[in-house]
Amino acid sequence: MVHKRILVPERLRRPPPTGWSWVDRRFLSEYAERLSGNAVSLYFVLCAAADKHGLSFYGDGTLSARLRLTPAAVDQAREELLARNLIAHQAP
């Protein structure tokens, strides 16, 4: 077994008082390597922006700006995530 030790204890992660988000570790081992970089980026932004129910209300304009992607690239990334059943989506 690998012995682990905290390298910088004062940097140990703690949930911030304003809320936090999480990503299931299985995302990396089961999905990430088969997705485009844009789809991985979109997934992480949606996870980080989600509320306690996993819902994100960022519009396409906000997603495009935050990810520095064209609206078409955001659409394509979303389609990849939908095809693998990683997200659900409903247009406003």
PDB file of N, CA and C in Angstrom:
ATOM      1  N   MET A   1       0.832  -1.169   0.000  1.00  0.00           N
ATOM      2  CA  MET A   1       0.000   0.000   0.000  1.00  0.00           C
ATOM      3  C   MET A   1       0.883   1.241   0.000  1.00  0.00           C
ATOM      4  N   VAL A   2       0.470   2.249  -0.739  1.00  0.00           N
ATOM      5  CA  VAL A   2       1.201   3.503  -0.812  1.00  0.00           C
ATOM      6  C   VAL A   2       0.893   4.333   0.425  1.00  0.00           C
ATOM      7  N   HIS A   3       1.942   4.779   1.092  1.00  0.00           N
ATOM      8  CA  HIS A   3       1.762   5.644   2.257  1.00  0.00           C
ATOM      9  C   HIS A   3       1.652   7.082   1.755  1.00  0.00           C
ATOM     10  N   LYS A   4       0.571   7.752   2.094  1.00  0.00           N
ATOM     11  CA  LYS A   4       0.362   9.136   1.678  1.00  0.00           C
ATOM     12  C   LYS A   4       0.507  10.055   2.874  1.00  0.00           C
ATOM     13  N   ARG A   5       1.006  11.246   2.608  1.00  0.00           N
ATOM     14  CA  ARG A   5       1.084  12.247   3.656  1.00  0.00           C
ATOM     15  C   ARG A   5       0.725  13.602   3.054  1.00  0.00           C
ATOM     16  N   ILE A   6       0.122  14.425   3.842  1.00  0.00           N
ATOM     17  CA  ILE A   6      -0.261  15.765   3.417  1.00  0.00           C
ATOM     18  C   ILE A   6       1.011  16.597   3.297  1.00  0.00           C
ATOM     19  N   LEU A   7       1.270  17.139   2.120  1.00  0.00           N
ATOM     20  CA  LEU A   7       2.494  17.906   1.888  1.00  0.00           C
ATOM     21  C   LEU A   7       2.421  19.308   2.488  1.00  0.00           C
ATOM     22  N   VAL A   8       1.279  19.971   2.337  1.00  0.00           N
ATOM     23  CA  VAL A   8       1.119  21.322   2.873  1.00  0.00           C
ATOM     24  C   VAL A   8      -0.201  21.342   3.651  1.00  0.00           C
ATOM     25  N   PRO A   9      -0.165  21.014   4.940  1.00  0.00           N
ATOM     26  CA  PRO A   9      -1.394  20.881   5.727  1.00  0.00           C
ATOM     27  C   PRO A   9      -2.317  22.105   5.689  1.00  0.00           C
ATOM     28  N   GLU A  10      -1.741  23.299   5.643  1.00  0.00           N
ATOM     29  CA  GLU A  10      -2.587  24.496   5.633  1.00  0.00           C
ATOM     30  C   GLU A  10      -3.344  24.666   4.309  1.00  0.00           C
ATOM     31  N   ARG A  11      -2.993  23.875   3.309  1.00  0.00           N
ATOM     32  CA  ARG A  11      -3.709  23.934   2.027  1.00  0.00           C
ATOM     33  C   ARG A  11      -4.700  22.781   1.863  1.00  0.00           C
ATOM     34  N   LEU A  12      -4.936  22.026   2.907  1.00  0.00           N
ATOM     35  CA  LEU A  12      -5.888  20.927   2.855  1.00  0.00           C
ATOM     36  C   LEU A  12      -7.255  21.471   2.451  1.00  0.00           C
ATOM     37  N   ARG A  13      -7.886  20.831   1.487  1.00  0.00           N
ATOM     38  CA  ARG A  13      -9.160  21.324   0.978  1.00  0.00           C
ATOM     39  C   ARG A  13     -10.270  21.193   2.015  1.00  0.00           C
ATOM     40  N   ARG A  14     -11.043  22.235   2.106  1.00  0.00           N
ATOM     41  CA  ARG A  14     -12.221  22.274   2.964  1.00  0.00           C
ATOM     42  C   ARG A  14     -13.328  22.950   2.162  1.00  0.00           C
ATOM     43  N   PRO A  15     -14.570  22.529   2.368  1.00  0.00           N
ATOM     44  CA  PRO A  15     -15.658  23.205   1.644  1.00  0.00           C
ATOM     45  C   PRO A  15     -15.713  24.678   2.021  1.00  0.00           C
ATOM     46  N   PRO A  16     -15.800  25.568   1.027  1.00  0.00           N
ATOM     47  CA  PRO A  16     -15.909  26.988   1.338  1.00  0.00           C
ATOM     48  C   PRO A  16     -17.295  27.306   1.914  1.00  0.00           C
ATOM     49  N   PRO A  17     -17.425  28.371   2.661  1.00  0.00           N
ATOM     50  CA  PRO A  17     -18.718  28.696   3.266  1.00  0.00           C
ATOM     51  C   PRO A  17     -19.797  29.035   2.239  1.00  0.00           C
ATOM     52  N   THR A  18     -19.409  29.404   1.031  1.00  0.00           N
ATOM     53  CA  THR A  18     -20.385  29.794   0.012  1.00  0.00           C
ATOM     54  C   THR A  18     -20.875  28.621  -0.823  1.00  0.00           C
ATOM     55  N   GLY A  19     -20.461  27.412  -0.506  1.00  0.00           N
ATOM     56  CA  GLY A  19     -20.889  26.243  -1.261  1.00  0.00           C
ATOM     57  C   GLY A  19     -19.742  25.615  -2.016  1.00  0.00           C
ATOM     58  N   TRP A  20     -19.983  24.422  -2.502  1.00  0.00           N
ATOM     59  CA  TRP A  20     -18.940  23.691  -3.215  1.00  0.00           C
ATOM     60  C   TRP A  20     -19.588  22.736  -4.194  1.00  0.00           C
ATOM     61  N   SER A  21     -18.798  22.163  -5.070  1.00  0.00           N
ATOM     62  CA  SER A  21     -19.304  21.197  -6.036  1.00  0.00           C
ATOM     63  C   SER A  21     -18.384  19.989  -6.034  1.00  0.00           C
ATOM     64  N   TRP A  22     -18.824  18.920  -6.676  1.00  0.00           N
ATOM     65  CA  TRP A  22     -18.010  17.723  -6.729  1.00  0.00           C
ATOM     66  C   TRP A  22     -18.168  17.059  -8.087  1.00  0.00           C
ATOM     67  N   VAL A  23     -17.177  16.273  -8.434  1.00  0.00           N
ATOM     68  CA  VAL A  23     -17.206  15.478  -9.661  1.00  0.00           C
ATOM     69  C   VAL A  23     -16.911  14.041  -9.264  1.00  0.00           C
ATOM     70  N   ASP A  24     -17.768  13.152  -9.676  1.00  0.00           N
ATOM     71  CA  ASP A  24     -17.590  11.731  -9.399  1.00  0.00           C
ATOM     72  C   ASP A  24     -16.271  11.267 -10.032  1.00  0.00           C
ATOM     73  N   ARG A  25     -15.451  10.572  -9.274  1.00  0.00           N
ATOM     74  CA  ARG A  25     -14.158  10.101  -9.786  1.00  0.00           C
ATOM     75  C   ARG A  25     -14.298   9.202 -11.005  1.00  0.00           C
ATOM     76  N   ARG A  26     -15.423   8.524 -11.100  1.00  0.00           N
ATOM     77  CA  ARG A  26     -15.637   7.641 -12.252  1.00  0.00           C
ATOM     78  C   ARG A  26     -15.628   8.411 -13.568  1.00  0.00           C
ATOM     79  N   PHE A  27     -15.901   9.722 -13.507  1.00  0.00           N
ATOM     80  CA  PHE A  27     -15.872  10.518 -14.724  1.00  0.00           C
ATOM     81  C   PHE A  27     -14.510  10.404 -15.401  1.00  0.00           C
ATOM     82  N   LEU A  28     -13.448  10.481 -14.611  1.00  0.00           N
ATOM     83  CA  LEU A  28     -12.099  10.398 -15.181  1.00  0.00           C
ATOM     84  C   LEU A  28     -11.790   9.018 -15.741  1.00  0.00           C
ATOM     85  N   SER A  29     -12.152   7.984 -15.014  1.00  0.00           N
ATOM     86  CA  SER A  29     -11.779   6.634 -15.451  1.00  0.00           C
ATOM     87  C   SER A  29     -12.706   6.051 -16.511  1.00  0.00           C
ATOM     88  N   GLU A  30     -13.946   6.491 -16.557  1.00  0.00           N
ATOM     89  CA  GLU A  30     -14.904   5.872 -17.470  1.00  0.00           C
ATOM     90  C   GLU A  30     -15.300   6.727 -18.663  1.00  0.00           C
ATOM     91  N   TYR A  31     -15.102   8.041 -18.593  1.00  0.00           N
ATOM     92  CA  TYR A  31     -15.617   8.893 -19.663  1.00  0.00           C
ATOM     93  C   TYR A  31     -14.611   9.875 -20.256  1.00  0.00           C
ATOM     94  N   ALA A  32     -13.835  10.532 -19.419  1.00  0.00           N
ATOM     95  CA  ALA A  32     -13.041  11.679 -19.856  1.00  0.00           C
ATOM     96  C   ALA A  32     -12.150  11.390 -21.053  1.00  0.00           C
ATOM     97  N   GLU A  33     -11.497  10.248 -21.078  1.00  0.00           N
ATOM     98  CA  GLU A  33     -10.558  10.001 -22.184  1.00  0.00           C
ATOM     99  C   GLU A  33     -11.260   9.759 -23.518  1.00  0.00           C
ATOM    100  N   ARG A  34     -12.567   9.501 -23.483  1.00  0.00           N
ATOM    101  CA  ARG A  34     -13.312   9.294 -24.730  1.00  0.00           C
ATOM    102  C   ARG A  34     -14.064  10.533 -25.180  1.00  0.00           C
ATOM    103  N   LEU A  35     -13.934  11.619 -24.436  1.00  0.00           N
ATOM    104  CA  LEU A  35     -14.605  12.871 -24.773  1.00  0.00           C
ATOM    105  C   LEU A  35     -13.606  13.880 -25.321  1.00  0.00           C
ATOM    106  N   SER A  36     -14.121  14.823 -26.089  1.00  0.00           N
ATOM    107  CA  SER A  36     -13.267  15.917 -26.553  1.00  0.00           C
ATOM    108  C   SER A  36     -12.913  16.806 -25.369  1.00  0.00           C
ATOM    109  N   GLY A  37     -11.877  17.588 -25.532  1.00  0.00           N
ATOM    110  CA  GLY A  37     -11.494  18.530 -24.484  1.00  0.00           C
ATOM    111  C   GLY A  37     -12.602  19.519 -24.183  1.00  0.00           C
ATOM    112  N   ASN A  38     -13.331  19.936 -25.213  1.00  0.00           N
ATOM    113  CA  ASN A  38     -14.436  20.870 -25.003  1.00  0.00           C
ATOM    114  C   ASN A  38     -15.534  20.235 -24.157  1.00  0.00           C
ATOM    115  N   ALA A  39     -15.834  18.963 -24.391  1.00  0.00           N
ATOM    116  CA  ALA A  39     -16.869  18.284 -23.616  1.00  0.00           C
ATOM    117  C   ALA A  39     -16.440  18.122 -22.164  1.00  0.00           C
ATOM    118  N   VAL A  40     -15.175  17.803 -21.927  1.00  0.00           N
ATOM    119  CA  VAL A  40     -14.672  17.682 -20.550  1.00  0.00           C
ATOM    120  C   VAL A  40     -14.761  19.037 -19.853  1.00  0.00           C
ATOM    121  N   SER A  41     -14.351  20.086 -20.529  1.00  0.00           N
ATOM    122  CA  SER A  41     -14.416  21.431 -19.948  1.00  0.00           C
ATOM    123  C   SER A  41     -15.852  21.820 -19.623  1.00  0.00           C
ATOM    124  N   LEU A  42     -16.758  21.561 -20.539  1.00  0.00           N
ATOM    125  CA  LEU A  42     -18.162  21.886 -20.307  1.00  0.00           C
ATOM    126  C   LEU A  42     -18.700  21.109 -19.106  1.00  0.00           C
ATOM    127  N   TYR A  43     -18.365  19.832 -19.018  1.00  0.00           N
ATOM    128  CA  TYR A  43     -18.830  19.021 -17.893  1.00  0.00           C
ATOM    129  C   TYR A  43     -18.365  19.612 -16.567  1.00  0.00           C
ATOM    130  N   PHE A  44     -17.094  19.999 -16.489  1.00  0.00           N
ATOM    131  CA  PHE A  44     -16.574  20.557 -15.244  1.00  0.00           C
ATOM    132  C   PHE A  44     -17.230  21.896 -14.907  1.00  0.00           C
ATOM    133  N   VAL A  45     -17.483  22.730 -15.897  1.00  0.00           N
ATOM    134  CA  VAL A  45     -18.150  24.006 -15.633  1.00  0.00           C
ATOM    135  C   VAL A  45     -19.575  23.753 -15.154  1.00  0.00           C
ATOM    136  N   LEU A  46     -20.279  22.827 -15.790  1.00  0.00           N
ATOM    137  CA  LEU A  46     -21.646  22.534 -15.366  1.00  0.00           C
ATOM    138  C   LEU A  46     -21.674  21.978 -13.944  1.00  0.00           C
ATOM    139  N   CYS A  47     -20.718  21.139 -13.599  1.00  0.00           N
ATOM    140  CA  CYS A  47     -20.636  20.614 -12.227  1.00  0.00           C
ATOM    141  C   CYS A  47     -20.360  21.734 -11.231  1.00  0.00           C
ATOM    142  N   ALA A  48     -19.435  22.602 -11.570  1.00  0.00           N
ATOM    143  CA  ALA A  48     -19.063  23.685 -10.659  1.00  0.00           C
ATOM    144  C   ALA A  48     -20.194  24.700 -10.494  1.00  0.00           C
ATOM    145  N   ALA A  49     -21.012  24.876 -11.519  1.00  0.00           N
ATOM    146  CA  ALA A  49     -22.092  25.860 -11.473  1.00  0.00           C
ATOM    147  C   ALA A  49     -23.395  25.286 -10.930  1.00  0.00           C
ATOM    148  N   ALA A  50     -23.445  23.986 -10.719  1.00  0.00           N
ATOM    149  CA  ALA A  50     -24.698  23.338 -10.322  1.00  0.00           C
ATOM    150  C   ALA A  50     -25.098  23.679  -8.894  1.00  0.00           C
ATOM    151  N   ASP A  51     -26.408  23.672  -8.668  1.00  0.00           N
ATOM    152  CA  ASP A  51     -26.920  23.868  -7.315  1.00  0.00           C
ATOM    153  C   ASP A  51     -26.954  22.531  -6.580  1.00  0.00           C
ATOM    154  N   LYS A  52     -27.562  22.496  -5.412  1.00  0.00           N
ATOM    155  CA  LYS A  52     -27.565  21.278  -4.611  1.00  0.00           C
ATOM    156  C   LYS A  52     -28.317  20.128  -5.265  1.00  0.00           C
ATOM    157  N   HIS A  53     -29.110  20.428  -6.279  1.00  0.00           N
ATOM    158  CA  HIS A  53     -29.841  19.391  -7.005  1.00  0.00           C
ATOM    159  C   HIS A  53     -29.132  18.979  -8.299  1.00  0.00           C
ATOM    160  N   GLY A  54     -27.967  19.561  -8.543  1.00  0.00           N
ATOM    161  CA  GLY A  54     -27.230  19.256  -9.760  1.00  0.00           C
ATOM    162  C   GLY A  54     -27.699  20.042 -10.968  1.00  0.00           C
ATOM    163  N   LEU A  55     -28.468  21.084 -10.746  1.00  0.00           N
ATOM    164  CA  LEU A  55     -28.998  21.894 -11.845  1.00  0.00           C
ATOM    165  C   LEU A  55     -28.145  23.131 -12.059  1.00  0.00           C
ATOM    166  N   SER A  56     -27.827  23.399 -13.309  1.00  0.00           N
ATOM    167  CA  SER A  56     -27.089  24.593 -13.679  1.00  0.00           C
ATOM    168  C   SER A  56     -27.961  25.407 -14.616  1.00  0.00           C
ATOM    169  N   PHE A  57     -27.977  26.689 -14.405  1.00  0.00           N
ATOM    170  CA  PHE A  57     -28.824  27.543 -15.219  1.00  0.00           C
ATOM    171  C   PHE A  57     -28.017  28.504 -16.083  1.00  0.00           C
ATOM    172  N   TYR A  58     -26.757  28.199 -16.332  1.00  0.00           N
ATOM    173  CA  TYR A  58     -25.950  29.036 -17.212  1.00  0.00           C
ATOM    174  C   TYR A  58     -26.491  28.913 -18.626  1.00  0.00           C
ATOM    175  N   GLY A  59     -26.648  30.050 -19.270  1.00  0.00           N
ATOM    176  CA  GLY A  59     -27.083  30.063 -20.661  1.00  0.00           C
ATOM    177  C   GLY A  59     -25.907  29.827 -21.600  1.00  0.00           C
ATOM    178  N   ASP A  60     -26.225  29.613 -22.854  1.00  0.00           N
ATOM    179  CA  ASP A  60     -25.175  29.346 -23.837  1.00  0.00           C
ATOM    180  C   ASP A  60     -24.187  30.498 -23.971  1.00  0.00           C
ATOM    181  N   GLY A  61     -24.665  31.721 -23.863  1.00  0.00           N
ATOM    182  CA  GLY A  61     -23.762  32.870 -23.950  1.00  0.00           C
ATOM    183  C   GLY A  61     -22.748  32.878 -22.819  1.00  0.00           C
ATOM    184  N   THR A  62     -23.211  32.587 -21.612  1.00  0.00           N
ATOM    185  CA  THR A  62     -22.317  32.529 -20.457  1.00  0.00           C
ATOM    186  C   THR A  62     -21.336  31.376 -20.596  1.00  0.00           C
ATOM    187  N   LEU A  63     -21.845  30.212 -21.018  1.00  0.00           N
ATOM    188  CA  LEU A  63     -20.956  29.056 -21.207  1.00  0.00           C
ATOM    189  C   LEU A  63     -19.910  29.345 -22.269  1.00  0.00           C
ATOM    190  N   SER A  64     -20.320  29.955 -23.372  1.00  0.00           N
ATOM    191  CA  SER A  64     -19.370  30.300 -24.437  1.00  0.00           C
ATOM    192  C   SER A  64     -18.284  31.230 -23.924  1.00  0.00           C
ATOM    193  N   ALA A  65     -18.692  32.235 -23.170  1.00  0.00           N
ATOM    194  CA  ALA A  65     -17.727  33.205 -22.644  1.00  0.00           C
ATOM    195  C   ALA A  65     -16.789  32.565 -21.625  1.00  0.00           C
ATOM    196  N   ARG A  66     -17.327  31.804 -20.697  1.00  0.00           N
ATOM    197  CA  ARG A  66     -16.489  31.192 -19.653  1.00  0.00           C
ATOM    198  C   ARG A  66     -15.511  30.174 -20.225  1.00  0.00           C
ATOM    199  N   LEU A  67     -15.967  29.428 -21.229  1.00  0.00           N
ATOM    200  CA  LEU A  67     -15.118  28.384 -21.819  1.00  0.00           C
ATOM    201  C   LEU A  67     -14.292  28.890 -22.998  1.00  0.00           C
ATOM    202  N   ARG A  68     -14.579  30.126 -23.420  1.00  0.00           N
ATOM    203  CA  ARG A  68     -13.914  30.704 -24.603  1.00  0.00           C
ATOM    204  C   ARG A  68     -14.136  29.827 -25.827  1.00  0.00           C
ATOM    205  N   LEU A  69     -15.400  29.416 -26.005  1.00  0.00           N
ATOM    206  CA  LEU A  69     -15.793  28.573 -27.139  1.00  0.00           C
ATOM    207  C   LEU A  69     -16.877  29.281 -27.932  1.00  0.00           C
ATOM    208  N   THR A  70     -16.978  28.940 -29.191  1.00  0.00           N
ATOM    209  CA  THR A  70     -18.084  29.450 -29.998  1.00  0.00           C
ATOM    210  C   THR A  70     -19.368  28.763 -29.546  1.00  0.00           C
ATOM    211  N   PRO A  71     -20.518  29.376 -29.815  1.00  0.00           N
ATOM    212  CA  PRO A  71     -21.775  28.707 -29.484  1.00  0.00           C
ATOM    213  C   PRO A  71     -21.900  27.326 -30.146  1.00  0.00           C
ATOM    214  N   ALA A  72     -21.394  27.191 -31.353  1.00  0.00           N
ATOM    215  CA  ALA A  72     -21.443  25.892 -32.040  1.00  0.00           C
ATOM    216  C   ALA A  72     -20.590  24.858 -31.305  1.00  0.00           C
ATOM    217  N   ALA A  73     -19.443  25.270 -30.787  1.00  0.00           N
ATOM    218  CA  ALA A  73     -18.582  24.344 -30.049  1.00  0.00           C
ATOM    219  C   ALA A  73     -19.238  23.926 -28.737  1.00  0.00           C
ATOM    220  N   VAL A  74     -19.939  24.844 -28.078  1.00  0.00           N
ATOM    221  CA  VAL A  74     -20.670  24.502 -26.855  1.00  0.00           C
ATOM    222  C   VAL A  74     -21.760  23.488 -27.184  1.00  0.00           C
ATOM    223  N   ASP A  75     -22.479  23.728 -28.283  1.00  0.00           N
ATOM    224  CA  ASP A  75     -23.526  22.777 -28.709  1.00  0.00           C
ATOM    225  C   ASP A  75     -22.952  21.391 -28.964  1.00  0.00           C
ATOM    226  N   GLN A  76     -21.837  21.327 -29.662  1.00  0.00           N
ATOM    227  CA  GLN A  76     -21.223  20.042 -29.973  1.00  0.00           C
ATOM    228  C   GLN A  76     -20.761  19.334 -28.689  1.00  0.00           C
ATOM    229  N   ALA A  77     -20.158  20.081 -27.786  1.00  0.00           N
ATOM    230  CA  ALA A  77     -19.711  19.496 -26.514  1.00  0.00           C
ATOM    231  C   ALA A  77     -20.914  18.973 -25.729  1.00  0.00           C
ATOM    232  N   ARG A  78     -21.995  19.747 -25.715  1.00  0.00           N
ATOM    233  CA  ARG A  78     -23.209  19.315 -25.008  1.00  0.00           C
ATOM    234  C   ARG A  78     -23.756  18.031 -25.626  1.00  0.00           C
ATOM    235  N   GLU A  79     -23.744  17.938 -26.942  1.00  0.00           N
ATOM    236  CA  GLU A  79     -24.236  16.739 -27.613  1.00  0.00           C
ATOM    237  C   GLU A  79     -23.418  15.508 -27.222  1.00  0.00           C
ATOM    238  N   GLU A  80     -22.103  15.676 -27.076  1.00  0.00           N
ATOM    239  CA  GLU A  80     -21.258  14.558 -26.623  1.00  0.00           C
ATOM    240  C   GLU A  80     -21.675  14.085 -25.232  1.00  0.00           C
ATOM    241  N   LEU A  81     -21.913  15.032 -24.338  1.00  0.00           N
ATOM    242  CA  LEU A  81     -22.297  14.684 -22.965  1.00  0.00           C
ATOM    243  C   LEU A  81     -23.685  14.058 -22.923  1.00  0.00           C
ATOM    244  N   LEU A  82     -24.584  14.568 -23.731  1.00  0.00           N
ATOM    245  CA  LEU A  82     -25.935  13.995 -23.808  1.00  0.00           C
ATOM    246  C   LEU A  82     -25.892  12.571 -24.357  1.00  0.00           C
ATOM    247  N   ALA A  83     -25.080  12.355 -25.389  1.00  0.00           N
ATOM    248  CA  ALA A  83     -24.993  11.033 -26.022  1.00  0.00           C
ATOM    249  C   ALA A  83     -24.497   9.972 -25.043  1.00  0.00           C
ATOM    250  N   ARG A  84     -23.693  10.368 -24.073  1.00  0.00           N
ATOM    251  CA  ARG A  84     -23.171   9.415 -23.073  1.00  0.00           C
ATOM    252  C   ARG A  84     -23.995   9.449 -21.780  1.00  0.00           C
ATOM    253  N   ASN A  85     -25.120  10.168 -21.826  1.00  0.00           N
ATOM    254  CA  ASN A  85     -26.039  10.245 -20.698  1.00  0.00           C
ATOM    255  C   ASN A  85     -25.373  10.822 -19.441  1.00  0.00           C
ATOM    256  N   LEU A  86     -24.442  11.748 -19.649  1.00  0.00           N
ATOM    257  CA  LEU A  86     -23.749  12.383 -18.523  1.00  0.00           C
ATOM    258  C   LEU A  86     -24.497  13.618 -18.022  1.00  0.00           C
ATOM    259  N   ILE A  87     -25.316  14.208 -18.873  1.00  0.00           N
ATOM    260  CA  ILE A  87     -26.105  15.375 -18.490  1.00  0.00           C
ATOM    261  C   ILE A  87     -27.495  15.243 -19.096  1.00  0.00           C
ATOM    262  N   ALA A  88     -28.385  16.079 -18.597  1.00  0.00           N
ATOM    263  CA  ALA A  88     -29.693  16.276 -19.212  1.00  0.00           C
ATOM    264  C   ALA A  88     -29.739  17.749 -19.589  1.00  0.00           C
ATOM    265  N   HIS A  89     -30.523  18.077 -20.581  1.00  0.00           N
ATOM    266  CA  HIS A  89     -30.567  19.471 -21.027  1.00  0.00           C
ATOM    267  C   HIS A  89     -31.968  19.827 -21.484  1.00  0.00           C
ATOM    268  N   GLN A  90     -32.375  21.022 -21.122  1.00  0.00           N
ATOM    269  CA  GLN A  90     -33.640  21.571 -21.615  1.00  0.00           C
ATOM    270  C   GLN A  90     -33.386  23.011 -21.950  1.00  0.00           C
ATOM    271  N   ALA A  91     -33.639  23.385 -23.188  1.00  0.00           N
ATOM    272  CA  ALA A  91     -33.457  24.778 -23.594  1.00  0.00           C
ATOM    273  C   ALA A  91     -34.452  25.665 -22.851  1.00  0.00           C
ATOM    274  N   PRO A  92     -34.064  26.915 -22.617  1.00  0.00           N
ATOM    275  CA  PRO A  92     -34.979  27.816 -21.887  1.00  0.00           C
ATOM    276  C   PRO A  92     -36.287  28.018 -22.630  1.00  0.00           C
TER     277      PRO A  92
END
